[in-house]
C-alpha atoms as a PDB file:
ATOM      1  CA  MET A   1      56.777  56.077  88.750  1.00  0.00           C
ATOM      2  CA  ARG A   2      60.329  56.622  87.556  1.00  0.00           C
ATOM      3  CA  PRO A   3      61.415  54.562  84.541  1.00  0.00           C
ATOM      4  CA  LEU A   4      64.054  51.890  84.813  1.00  0.00           C
ATOM      5  CA  ALA A   5      65.760  53.247  81.693  1.00  0.00           C
ATOM      6  CA  SER A   6      65.385  56.171  79.324  1.00  0.00           C
ATOM      7  CA  TRP A   7      67.073  57.364  76.139  1.00  0.00           C
ATOM      8  CA  GLU A   8      67.412  60.437  74.018  1.00  0.00           C
ATOM      9  CA  PRO A   9      66.788  60.444  70.275  1.00  0.00           C
ATOM     10  CA  PHE A  10      69.219  58.357  68.243  1.00  0.00           C
ATOM     11  CA  VAL A  11      69.487  56.528  64.918  1.00  0.00           C
ATOM     12  CA  LEU A  12      69.453  52.729  64.815  1.00  0.00           C
ATOM     13  CA  ARG A  13      71.036  51.414  61.604  1.00  0.00           C
ATOM     14  CA  LEU A  14      70.123  47.932  60.402  1.00  0.00           C
ATOM     15  CA  ASP A  15      72.141  46.349  57.618  1.00  0.00           C
ATOM     16  CA  LYS A  16      69.575  45.790  54.855  1.00  0.00           C
ATOM     17  CA  ASP A  17      71.077  42.513  53.594  1.00  0.00           C
ATOM     18  CA  VAL A  18      71.407  41.002  57.069  1.00  0.00           C
ATOM     19  CA  LEU A  19      67.871  42.138  57.928  1.00  0.00           C
ATOM     20  CA  LEU A  20      66.494  40.457  54.789  1.00  0.00           C
ATOM     21  CA  THR A  21      68.410  37.237  55.545  1.00  0.00           C
ATOM     22  CA  PHE A  22      66.986  37.273  59.070  1.00  0.00           C
ATOM     23  CA  ALA A  23      63.436  37.880  57.738  1.00  0.00           C
ATOM     24  CA  ARG A  24      63.752  35.111  55.120  1.00  0.00           C
ATOM     25  CA  ARG A  25      64.857  32.585  57.728  1.00  0.00           C
ATOM     26  CA  MET A  26      62.018  33.558  60.053  1.00  0.00           C
ATOM     27  CA  ALA A  27      59.553  33.285  57.167  1.00  0.00           C
ATOM     28  CA  ALA A  28      60.855  29.828  56.240  1.00  0.00           C
ATOM     29  CA  ALA A  29      59.711  28.569  59.643  1.00  0.00           C
ATOM     30  CA  LYS A  30      56.547  30.630  60.137  1.00  0.00           C
ATOM     31  CA  ALA A  31      55.309  31.321  56.593  1.00  0.00           C
ATOM     32  CA  PRO A  32      56.686  28.653  54.238  1.00  0.00           C
ATOM     33  CA  GLN A  33      54.511  29.940  51.383  1.00  0.00           C
ATOM     34  CA  LEU A  34      56.761  33.031  51.204  1.00  0.00           C
ATOM     35  CA  GLU A  35      59.539  32.235  48.742  1.00  0.00           C
ATOM     36  CA  ASP A  36      61.412  35.529  48.597  1.00  0.00           C
ATOM     37  CA  LEU A  37      61.309  39.143  49.651  1.00  0.00           C
ATOM     38  CA  ALA A  38      63.282  42.236  48.742  1.00  0.00           C
ATOM     39  CA  LEU A  39      63.483  45.707  50.245  1.00  0.00           C
ATOM     40  CA  SER A  40      64.241  48.818  48.236  1.00  0.00           C
ATOM     41  CA  GLY A  41      63.384  52.495  48.213  1.00  0.00           C
ATOM     42  CA  GLN A  42      64.794  55.942  48.715  1.00  0.00           C
ATOM     43  CA  GLN A  43      64.650  58.209  51.721  1.00  0.00           C
ATOM     44  CA  ASP A  44      61.411  57.569  53.631  1.00  0.00           C
ATOM     45  CA  ARG A  45      59.671  55.643  50.812  1.00  0.00           C
ATOM     46  CA  LEU A  46      60.145  51.897  51.243  1.00  0.00           C
ATOM     47  CA  ALA A  47      59.169  49.168  48.793  1.00  0.00           C
ATOM     48  CA  LEU A  48      58.778  45.540  49.795  1.00  0.00           C
ATOM     49  CA  ASP A  49      58.547  42.954  47.003  1.00  0.00           C
ATOM     50  CA  LEU A  50      57.141  39.557  47.942  1.00  0.00           C
ATOM     51  CA  LEU A  51      57.100  36.310  46.025  1.00  0.00           C
ATOM     52  CA  PHE A  52      54.912  33.604  47.507  1.00  0.00           C
ATOM     53  CA  ARG A  53      53.202  30.412  46.444  1.00  0.00           C
ATOM     54  CA  VAL A  54      49.483  29.799  46.859  1.00  0.00           C
ATOM     55  CA  ALA A  55      48.023  26.447  45.769  1.00  0.00           C
ATOM     56  CA  GLY A  56      51.155  25.803  43.714  1.00  0.00           C
ATOM     57  CA  VAL A  57      50.958  29.140  41.874  1.00  0.00           C
ATOM     58  CA  ARG A  58      53.748  31.714  42.283  1.00  0.00           C
ATOM     59  CA  ILE A  59      52.380  35.184  43.024  1.00  0.00           C
ATOM     60  CA  HIS A  60      54.258  38.471  43.112  1.00  0.00           C
ATOM     61  CA  ALA A  61      53.076  41.362  45.290  1.00  0.00           C
ATOM     62  CA  ALA A  62      54.651  44.771  45.870  1.00  0.00           C
ATOM     63  CA  LEU A  63      53.960  47.085  48.794  1.00  0.00           C
ATOM     64  CA  GLU A  64      55.177  50.676  48.888  1.00  0.00           C
ATOM     65  CA  VAL A  65      54.847  52.857  52.010  1.00  0.00           C
ATOM     66  CA  GLU A  66      56.152  56.177  53.241  1.00  0.00           C
ATOM     67  CA  GLU A  67      56.084  58.257  56.409  1.00  0.00           C
ATOM     68  CA  LEU A  68      56.446  55.296  58.801  1.00  0.00           C
ATOM     69  CA  ARG A  69      55.865  56.442  62.384  1.00  0.00           C
ATOM     70  CA  PHE A  70      55.419  54.742  65.749  1.00  0.00           C
ATOM     71  CA  ARG A  71      53.936  56.451  68.816  1.00  0.00           C
ATOM     72  CA  ALA A  72      52.203  55.234  71.965  1.00  0.00           C
ATOM     73  CA  GLY A  73      52.016  51.686  70.614  1.00  0.00           C
ATOM     74  CA  PHE A  74      50.530  52.620  67.224  1.00  0.00           C
ATOM     75  CA  LEU A  75      52.361  52.033  63.930  1.00  0.00           C
ATOM     76  CA  GLY A  76      51.262  54.312  61.121  1.00  0.00           C
ATOM     77  CA  CYS A  77      52.227  54.838  57.515  1.00  0.00           C
ATOM     78  CA  ARG A  78      50.957  56.220  54.245  1.00  0.00           C
ATOM     79  CA  LEU A  79      50.304  53.434  51.759  1.00  0.00           C
ATOM     80  CA  VAL A  80      51.646  54.549  48.387  1.00  0.00           C
ATOM     81  CA  SER A  81      50.633  51.360  46.591  1.00  0.00           C
ATOM     82  CA  LEU A  82      49.887  47.691  46.925  1.00  0.00           C
ATOM     83  CA  ARG A  83      50.141  45.748  43.703  1.00  0.00           C
ATOM     84  CA  GLY A  84      49.202  42.141  43.162  1.00  0.00           C
ATOM     85  CA  PRO A  85      49.871  39.736  40.317  1.00  0.00           C
ATOM     86  CA  LEU A  86      50.734  41.327  36.965  1.00  0.00           C
ATOM     87  CA  GLY A  87      51.367  44.636  38.763  1.00  0.00           C
ATOM     88  CA  ILE A  88      47.650  45.349  39.122  1.00  0.00           C
ATOM     89  CA  GLY A  89      46.875  47.848  41.891  1.00  0.00           C
ATOM     90  CA  VAL A  90      44.611  46.739  44.722  1.00  0.00           C
ATOM     91  CA  PRO A  91      41.564  49.056  45.017  1.00  0.00           C
ATOM     92  CA  SER A  92      41.009  50.963  48.266  1.00  0.00           C
ATOM     93  CA  VAL A  93      37.800  49.039  49.031  1.00  0.00           C
ATOM     94  CA  VAL A  94      39.655  45.728  48.826  1.00  0.00           C
ATOM     95  CA  LEU A  95      42.469  47.157  50.973  1.00  0.00           C
ATOM     96  CA  GLY A  96      39.931  48.010  53.667  1.00  0.00           C
ATOM     97  CA  MET A  97      38.646  44.419  53.631  1.00  0.00           C
ATOM     98  CA  LEU A  98      42.210  43.045  53.798  1.00  0.00           C
ATOM     99  CA  PHE A  99      43.153  45.292  56.714  1.00  0.00           C
ATOM    100  CA  ARG A 100      40.070  44.232  58.695  1.00  0.00           C
ATOM    101  CA  ARG A 101      41.313  40.615  58.449  1.00  0.00           C
ATOM    102  CA  LEU A 102      44.688  41.402  60.034  1.00  0.00           C
ATOM    103  CA  PRO A 103      45.347  39.847  63.465  1.00  0.00           C
ATOM    104  CA  LEU A 104      45.827  43.396  64.825  1.00  0.00           C
ATOM    105  CA  GLU A 105      43.324  46.211  65.138  1.00  0.00           C
ATOM    106  CA  ALA A 106      43.761  48.342  62.019  1.00  0.00           C
ATOM    107  CA  THR A 107      42.382  51.716  60.991  1.00  0.00           C
ATOM    108  CA  TRP A 108      42.368  52.551  57.282  1.00  0.00           C
ATOM    109  CA  ASP A 109      41.662  56.019  55.872  1.00  0.00           C
ATOM    110  CA  PRO A 110      41.127  55.451  52.122  1.00  0.00           C
ATOM    111  CA  ARG A 111      41.052  59.170  51.294  1.00  0.00           C
ATOM    112  CA  ASP A 112      44.490  59.938  52.733  1.00  0.00           C
ATOM    113  CA  ARG A 113      45.677  56.311  52.310  1.00  0.00           C
ATOM    114  CA  VAL A 114      46.847  56.158  55.934  1.00  0.00           C
ATOM    115  CA  LEU A 115      47.051  52.827  57.755  1.00  0.00           C
ATOM    116  CA  VAL A 116      47.378  52.704  61.560  1.00  0.00           C
ATOM    117  CA  LEU A 117      48.017  49.406  63.385  1.00  0.00           C
ATOM    118  CA  ASP A 118      47.515  48.991  67.139  1.00  0.00           C
ATOM    119  CA  MET A 119      50.683  47.199  68.271  1.00  0.00           C
ATOM    120  CA  ARG A 120      50.197  47.703  72.033  1.00  0.00           C
ATOM    121  CA  ARG A 121      49.373  44.083  72.849  1.00  0.00           C
ATOM    122  CA  LEU A 122      52.612  42.934  71.155  1.00  0.00           C
ATOM    123  CA  LEU A 123      54.875  45.299  73.085  1.00  0.00           C
ATOM    124  CA  PRO A 124      56.443  44.364  76.396  1.00  0.00           C
ATOM    125  CA  ALA A 125      54.808  46.105  79.359  1.00  0.00           C
ATOM    126  CA  GLY A 126      56.330  49.473  80.188  1.00  0.00           C
ATOM    127  CA  VAL A 127      57.959  50.240  76.821  1.00  0.00           C
ATOM    128  CA  ASP A 128      57.391  53.779  75.558  1.00  0.00           C
ATOM    129  CA  LEU A 129      58.952  53.911  72.111  1.00  0.00           C
ATOM    130  CA  THR A 130      58.737  56.572  69.422  1.00  0.00           C
ATOM    131  CA  VAL A 131      59.917  56.225  65.829  1.00  0.00           C
ATOM    132  CA  GLU A 132      60.223  59.619  64.181  1.00  0.00           C
ATOM    133  CA  ASP A 133      61.331  58.420  60.749  1.00  0.00           C
ATOM    134  CA  VAL A 134      62.450  55.339  58.813  1.00  0.00           C
ATOM    135  CA  ARG A 135      64.776  55.727  55.822  1.00  0.00           C
ATOM    136  CA  LEU A 136      66.696  53.499  53.470  1.00  0.00           C
ATOM    137  CA  ALA A 137      70.146  54.871  52.689  1.00  0.00           C
ATOM    138  CA  ASP A 138      73.484  53.384  51.640  1.00  0.00           C
ATOM    139  CA  GLY A 139      72.461  49.768  52.286  1.00  0.00           C
ATOM    140  CA  PHE A 140      71.073  50.487  55.748  1.00  0.00           C
ATOM    141  CA  LEU A 141      67.569  50.808  57.092  1.00  0.00           C
ATOM    142  CA  GLU A 142      67.824  53.808  59.416  1.00  0.00           C
ATOM    143  CA  VAL A 143      65.273  53.945  62.222  1.00  0.00           C
ATOM    144  CA  HIS A 144      65.225  57.408  63.807  1.00  0.00           C
ATOM    145  CA  LEU A 145      64.101  56.834  67.371  1.00  0.00           C
ATOM    146  CA  GLY A 146      62.707  59.626  69.500  1.00  0.00           C
ATOM    147  CA  PRO A 147      63.058  59.836  73.264  1.00  0.00           C
ATOM    148  CA  GLY A 148      61.705  56.830  75.119  1.00  0.00           C
ATOM    149  CA  THR A 149      61.534  54.982  78.396  1.00  0.00           C
ATOM    150  CA  LEU A 150      61.381  51.496  79.822  1.00  0.00           C
ATOM    151  CA  ALA A 151      59.315  51.196  83.004  1.00  0.00           C
ATOM    152  CA  PRO A 152      58.355  47.532  83.416  1.00  0.00           C
ATOM    153  CA  PRO A 153      56.032  46.656  86.284  1.00  0.00           C
ATOM    154  CA  LEU A 154      57.956  45.793  89.407  1.00  0.00           C
ATOM    155  CA  PRO A 155      57.883  42.107  90.331  1.00  0.00           C
ATOM    156  CA  GLU A 156      55.775  41.213  93.321  1.00  0.00           C
ATOM    157  CA  LEU A 157      57.623  40.803  96.579  1.00  0.00           C
ATOM    158  CA  GLU A 158      57.622  37.333  97.994  1.00  0.00           C
ATOM    159  CA  PRO A 159      56.091  37.170 101.454  1.00  0.00           C
ATOM    160  CA  VAL A 160      58.843  37.148 104.030  1.00  0.00           C
ATOM    161  CA  GLU A 161      58.198  35.443 107.328  1.00  0.00           C
ATOM    162  CA  GLU A 162      59.313  37.442 110.286  1.00  0.00           C
ATOM    163  CA  GLU A 163      62.070  35.764 112.173  1.00  0.00           C
ATOM    164  CA  PRO A 164      61.441  35.385 115.876  1.00  0.00           C
ATOM    165  CA  PRO A 165      63.740  37.330 118.142  1.00  0.00           C
ATOM    166  CA  PRO A 166      66.819  35.383 119.305  1.00  0.00           C
ATOM    167  CA  GLY A 167      66.160  32.998 122.141  1.00  0.00           C
ATOM    168  CA  VAL A 168      62.441  32.520 121.420  1.00  0.00           C
END
């Protein structure tokens, strides 16, 4: 089946400050315990700092990832670090338990520190998207997209009654 649309590789640039404002406003409605978040990093290493409140206690967490990739509906990255309160690193065994509790199917390789999330059920039908690289540079989050296609399922045809020939 031919796709409805296709594209060649290109770079999508998202303004970091606008993206964070958007994420904060979404979090205010869907995750009110999240008080603040910040994005930093260099090249393909991204750091996300979170400040949230649990049972009235403010907790700081920091996540650092690199080599973000997306292919065939799977999001993968190398987890550089996940630090909880007081900057204490979260052990690999605990990470495995946390990832099993995610609402998505997750695969965690503790030796190589690679996390893969199955995002297929969240994607619209017929989207074939590839992310070759994600970088933070000059105030922009650059998403390097590979070639892709959009081939949504065709809508069903409504049954059409045959019109009788004229004069019948």
